């Protein structure tokens, strides 16, 4: 892994098992510990993200203020300019890019200081890479504008405001959980949404079991698919789910 690789057409992600599913989100890692940065880089790049890395705070601030990233992964303890000051200056420069702070400090006071300086979320070291990815995608999703307009995939439509789906001329009322799942799947169709991300969507950091998520998926599938000829809601085994028309 190089110290610094600018984002360009030549740094597009390789086609991997999940690369096509992540919409080529652009991630900036600002981390001075090379092993940690390399592990994050390798994991995210394999999963289809476009990744850049800077090892110190001053250069990290310069890269982040260019405004071309979807999420910044920021270490708290950086040489020259620490993570809190970097985040504060980033916000003072008018940059709203989501920032995920990496820290070895897990006290409430430390976390609150991070939020006061403009951090959107934090992750305590050591952490699981899959959790890191769930946090990244959750931050990116929160940044997307709310959509009241109806969503459409194939002959299925859904109104987030009324929480009514419609297919084949039939009106289909949904529960809150079903509406959240369907809305996310329709907005990101035909991409795969990982099980972890759907669980985070429903239960937040408290988490929920994959068995409970599967129950919601089965109920949703019974409403929008089983009465009709074409199956839109697909299971990608071991990964998650997607909504796709015209198989």
Protein backbone atom coordinates (compact mmCIF):
# COMPACT_ATOMS: atom_id res chain seq x y z
CA UNK A 1 0.00 0.00 0.00
CA UNK A 2 1.39 3.38 -0.93
CA UNK A 3 1.35 6.34 1.41
CA UNK A 4 -0.87 8.32 -0.88
CA UNK A 5 -2.86 7.32 -3.92
CA UNK A 6 -5.03 10.05 -5.40
CA UNK A 7 -8.48 9.06 -6.56
CA UNK A 8 -8.58 8.86 -10.32
CA UNK A 9 -10.12 6.72 -13.06
CA UNK A 10 -7.17 4.35 -12.67
CA UNK A 11 -7.98 3.69 -9.02
CA UNK A 12 -11.47 2.34 -9.65
CA UNK A 13 -12.17 -0.83 -7.65
CA UNK A 14 -11.43 -4.27 -8.93
CA UNK A 15 -14.40 -6.50 -9.64
CA UNK A 16 -14.61 -8.64 -6.52
CA UNK A 17 -17.21 -10.70 -4.73
CA UNK A 18 -18.93 -7.61 -3.38
CA UNK A 19 -17.30 -4.83 -5.39
CA UNK A 20 -20.32 -4.21 -7.57
CA UNK A 21 -22.53 -3.92 -4.48
CA UNK A 22 -20.93 -0.89 -2.86
CA UNK A 23 -21.49 1.78 -5.49
CA UNK A 24 -17.76 2.62 -5.50
CA UNK A 25 -17.96 4.77 -2.37
CA UNK A 26 -14.84 6.90 -1.99
CA UNK A 27 -13.12 6.50 1.37
CA UNK A 28 -10.27 8.56 2.81
CA UNK A 29 -8.25 6.90 5.58
CA UNK A 30 -6.26 9.30 7.79
CA UNK A 31 -4.22 6.98 9.99
CA UNK A 32 -0.55 7.01 10.96
CA UNK A 33 -0.30 3.34 11.99
CA UNK A 34 0.63 1.66 8.72
CA UNK A 35 -0.57 -1.83 9.68
CA UNK A 36 -4.02 -0.56 10.64
CA UNK A 37 -4.27 1.59 7.52
CA UNK A 38 -3.12 -1.30 5.31
CA UNK A 39 -5.65 -3.70 6.81
CA UNK A 40 -8.50 -1.23 6.34
CA UNK A 41 -7.37 -0.39 2.81
CA UNK A 42 -7.09 -4.05 1.76
CA UNK A 43 -10.46 -4.99 3.25
CA UNK A 44 -12.36 -2.06 1.72
CA UNK A 45 -10.69 -2.34 -1.67
CA UNK A 46 -11.57 -6.04 -1.88
CA UNK A 47 -15.17 -5.09 -1.19
CA UNK A 48 -15.28 -2.59 -4.02
CA UNK A 49 -14.54 0.77 -2.39
CA UNK A 50 -12.22 3.41 -3.84
CA UNK A 51 -9.64 4.07 -1.13
CA UNK A 52 -7.07 6.80 -0.45
CA UNK A 53 -4.71 7.09 2.52
CA UNK A 54 -2.83 9.90 4.26
CA UNK A 55 -0.60 9.29 7.29
CA UNK A 56 -0.60 12.68 9.06
CA UNK A 57 -3.13 15.27 10.12
CA UNK A 58 -1.98 18.25 8.04
CA UNK A 59 -2.04 16.40 4.74
CA UNK A 60 -5.19 14.60 5.79
CA UNK A 61 -6.96 17.92 6.26
CA UNK A 62 -5.83 19.07 2.82
CA UNK A 63 -7.18 15.92 1.18
CA UNK A 64 -10.43 15.93 3.12
CA UNK A 65 -11.21 19.57 2.29
CA UNK A 66 -11.08 18.78 -1.41
CA UNK A 67 -14.58 17.44 -0.90
CA UNK A 68 -14.36 14.37 -3.14
CA UNK A 69 -14.94 11.68 -0.49
CA UNK A 70 -18.07 9.94 0.72
CA UNK A 71 -16.69 9.05 4.17
CA UNK A 72 -13.49 9.94 6.07
CA UNK A 73 -12.02 7.38 8.48
CA UNK A 74 -10.03 9.48 10.93
CA UNK A 75 -7.63 8.34 13.66
CA UNK A 76 -7.76 10.38 16.85
CA UNK A 77 -4.03 10.34 17.59
CA UNK A 78 -2.22 11.78 14.57
CA UNK A 79 1.18 13.47 14.29
CA UNK A 80 1.19 17.23 13.73
CA UNK A 81 -2.56 17.78 13.84
CA UNK A 82 -4.66 15.44 15.95
CA UNK A 83 -7.99 14.04 14.87
CA UNK A 84 -10.13 16.38 16.96
CA UNK A 85 -8.48 19.53 15.61
CA UNK A 86 -8.57 18.15 12.08
CA UNK A 87 -12.30 17.46 12.34
CA UNK A 88 -12.98 20.89 13.83
CA UNK A 89 -11.08 22.63 11.01
CA UNK A 90 -12.83 20.48 8.44
CA UNK A 91 -16.22 21.63 9.73
CA UNK A 92 -15.06 25.25 9.95
CA UNK A 93 -14.12 24.97 6.26
CA UNK A 94 -17.74 24.09 5.50
CA UNK A 95 -17.12 20.42 4.71
CA UNK A 96 -19.99 18.12 5.72
CA UNK A 97 -18.38 14.82 4.69
CA UNK A 98 -19.23 12.13 7.30
CA UNK A 99 -16.33 11.41 9.66
CA UNK A 100 -15.84 8.09 11.44
CA UNK A 101 -13.34 8.53 14.27
CA UNK A 102 -11.05 5.66 15.26
CA UNK A 103 -9.95 5.83 18.87
CA UNK A 104 -8.45 3.71 21.62
CA UNK A 105 -10.33 5.86 24.16
CA UNK A 106 -13.76 4.54 25.05
CA UNK A 107 -14.89 6.86 27.85
CA UNK A 108 -18.06 8.87 27.49
CA UNK A 109 -16.13 12.14 27.86
CA UNK A 110 -13.81 11.24 24.99
CA UNK A 111 -16.73 10.30 22.76
CA UNK A 112 -18.59 13.51 23.57
CA UNK A 113 -15.48 15.55 22.75
CA UNK A 114 -15.39 13.89 19.37
CA UNK A 115 -19.01 14.78 18.66
CA UNK A 116 -18.44 18.36 19.81
CA UNK A 117 -15.65 18.70 17.25
CA UNK A 118 -17.84 17.44 14.42
CA UNK A 119 -17.34 13.68 14.39
CA UNK A 120 -20.37 11.75 13.11
CA UNK A 121 -19.55 8.36 14.62
CA UNK A 122 -16.69 6.62 16.39
CA UNK A 123 -15.26 3.13 16.58
CA UNK A 124 -13.08 1.91 19.43
CA UNK A 125 -9.92 -0.04 18.60
CA UNK A 126 -9.65 -2.97 18.14
CA UNK A 127 -12.67 -3.43 15.89
CA UNK A 128 -14.04 -5.93 13.37
CA UNK A 129 -13.72 -4.94 9.73
CA UNK A 130 -17.31 -5.91 9.02
CA UNK A 131 -18.46 -3.51 11.72
CA UNK A 132 -16.33 -0.80 10.16
CA UNK A 133 -18.07 -1.37 6.84
CA UNK A 134 -21.53 -1.25 8.42
CA UNK A 135 -20.67 2.08 10.06
CA UNK A 136 -19.35 3.48 6.77
CA UNK A 137 -22.49 2.59 4.87
CA UNK A 138 -24.75 3.82 7.66
CA UNK A 139 -22.98 7.21 7.63
CA UNK A 140 -23.26 7.45 3.87
CA UNK A 141 -26.95 6.49 3.95
CA UNK A 142 -27.74 9.16 6.55
CA UNK A 143 -26.20 11.75 4.27
CA UNK A 144 -28.53 10.87 1.39
CA UNK A 145 -31.49 13.25 1.04
CA UNK A 146 -34.81 12.02 2.31
CA UNK A 147 -37.11 11.03 -0.48
CA UNK A 148 -40.86 11.49 -0.18
CA UNK A 149 -41.43 10.70 -3.85
CA UNK A 150 -42.59 7.22 -4.79
CA UNK A 151 -39.94 4.62 -5.52
CA UNK A 152 -40.20 2.22 -8.45
CA UNK A 153 -38.53 -1.09 -9.32
CA UNK A 154 -40.16 -2.99 -12.15
CA UNK A 155 -43.91 -3.02 -11.58
CA UNK A 156 -43.49 -2.41 -7.84
CA UNK A 157 -43.91 1.07 -6.40
CA UNK A 158 -43.62 2.29 -2.81
CA UNK A 159 -44.52 5.59 -1.15
CA UNK A 160 -42.38 6.19 1.98
CA UNK A 161 -44.79 8.88 3.14
CA UNK A 162 -47.90 6.68 3.14
CA UNK A 163 -45.99 3.40 3.73
CA UNK A 164 -48.05 1.82 0.96
CA UNK A 165 -46.60 -0.38 -1.73
CA UNK A 166 -48.44 -1.16 -4.94
CA UNK A 167 -48.03 -3.98 -7.40
CA UNK A 168 -50.36 -5.37 -10.01
CA UNK A 169 -52.98 -2.80 -9.08
CA UNK A 170 -53.02 -4.02 -5.48
CA UNK A 171 -52.35 -1.67 -2.56
CA UNK A 172 -50.02 -3.28 0.02
CA UNK A 173 -49.79 -1.70 3.50
CA UNK A 174 -46.42 -2.24 5.19
CA UNK A 175 -45.20 -2.18 8.78
CA UNK A 176 -42.51 0.30 9.80
CA UNK A 177 -39.79 -2.38 9.59
CA UNK A 178 -41.01 -3.63 6.22
CA UNK A 179 -41.14 -0.07 4.90
CA UNK A 180 -37.58 0.66 6.02
CA UNK A 181 -36.26 -2.51 4.42
CA UNK A 182 -38.16 -2.02 1.18
CA UNK A 183 -37.25 1.67 0.91
CA UNK A 184 -33.53 0.94 1.24
CA UNK A 185 -33.65 -1.98 -1.18
CA UNK A 186 -35.52 0.10 -3.78
CA UNK A 187 -33.24 3.13 -3.47
CA UNK A 188 -30.14 0.98 -3.95
CA UNK A 189 -31.57 -1.49 -6.50
CA UNK A 190 -30.08 -3.59 -8.04
CA UNK A 191 -27.21 -3.54 -5.56
CA UNK A 192 -26.94 -5.98 -2.68
CA UNK A 193 -27.56 -4.71 0.85
CA UNK A 194 -25.62 -6.66 3.46
CA UNK A 195 -27.44 -8.33 6.32
CA UNK A 196 -25.44 -6.29 8.81
CA UNK A 197 -26.57 -3.03 7.24
CA UNK A 198 -30.22 -4.05 7.28
CA UNK A 199 -29.91 -5.11 10.91
CA UNK A 200 -28.34 -1.75 11.75
CA UNK A 201 -31.16 -0.01 9.88
CA UNK A 202 -33.78 -1.77 12.00
CA UNK A 203 -32.14 -1.94 15.40
CA UNK A 204 -29.17 0.45 15.38
CA UNK A 205 -26.19 -0.36 17.56
CA UNK A 206 -28.33 -2.53 19.82
CA UNK A 207 -28.31 -5.04 17.01
CA UNK A 208 -30.73 -7.80 16.21
CA UNK A 209 -30.37 -11.39 15.16
CA UNK A 210 -30.18 -12.45 11.54
CA UNK A 211 -33.06 -14.80 12.35
CA UNK A 212 -35.24 -11.82 13.23
CA UNK A 213 -34.16 -10.04 10.05
CA UNK A 214 -34.98 -13.15 8.03
CA UNK A 215 -38.48 -13.13 9.54
CA UNK A 216 -39.03 -9.56 8.33
CA UNK A 217 -37.70 -10.45 4.89
CA UNK A 218 -40.00 -13.47 4.62
CA UNK A 219 -43.02 -11.37 5.60
CA UNK A 220 -42.07 -8.70 3.05
CA UNK A 221 -41.54 -11.29 0.33
CA UNK A 222 -44.97 -12.78 1.04
CA UNK A 223 -46.52 -9.36 0.44
CA UNK A 224 -44.68 -8.10 -2.63
CA UNK A 225 -43.64 -11.29 -4.44
CA UNK A 226 -45.64 -14.44 -3.74
CA UNK A 227 -48.98 -13.25 -5.19
CA UNK A 228 -47.22 -12.30 -8.45
CA UNK A 229 -45.42 -14.05 -11.29
CA UNK A 230 -41.96 -12.44 -11.01
CA UNK A 231 -39.78 -12.50 -7.92
CA UNK A 232 -38.17 -9.12 -7.21
CA UNK A 233 -36.72 -9.70 -3.73
CA UNK A 234 -33.69 -11.95 -3.98
CA UNK A 235 -31.48 -13.53 -1.34
CA UNK A 236 -27.73 -13.44 -1.96
CA UNK A 237 -26.70 -16.32 0.27
CA UNK A 238 -24.22 -15.48 2.98
CA UNK A 239 -24.26 -11.77 2.07
CA UNK A 240 -27.67 -10.12 2.08
CA UNK A 241 -30.57 -9.17 -0.16
CA UNK A 242 -31.37 -7.16 -3.26
CA UNK A 243 -34.41 -6.02 -5.22
CA UNK A 244 -34.11 -6.44 -8.97
CA UNK A 245 -36.52 -6.43 -11.90
CA UNK A 246 -36.35 -8.46 -15.13
CA UNK A 247 -34.21 -11.35 -13.94
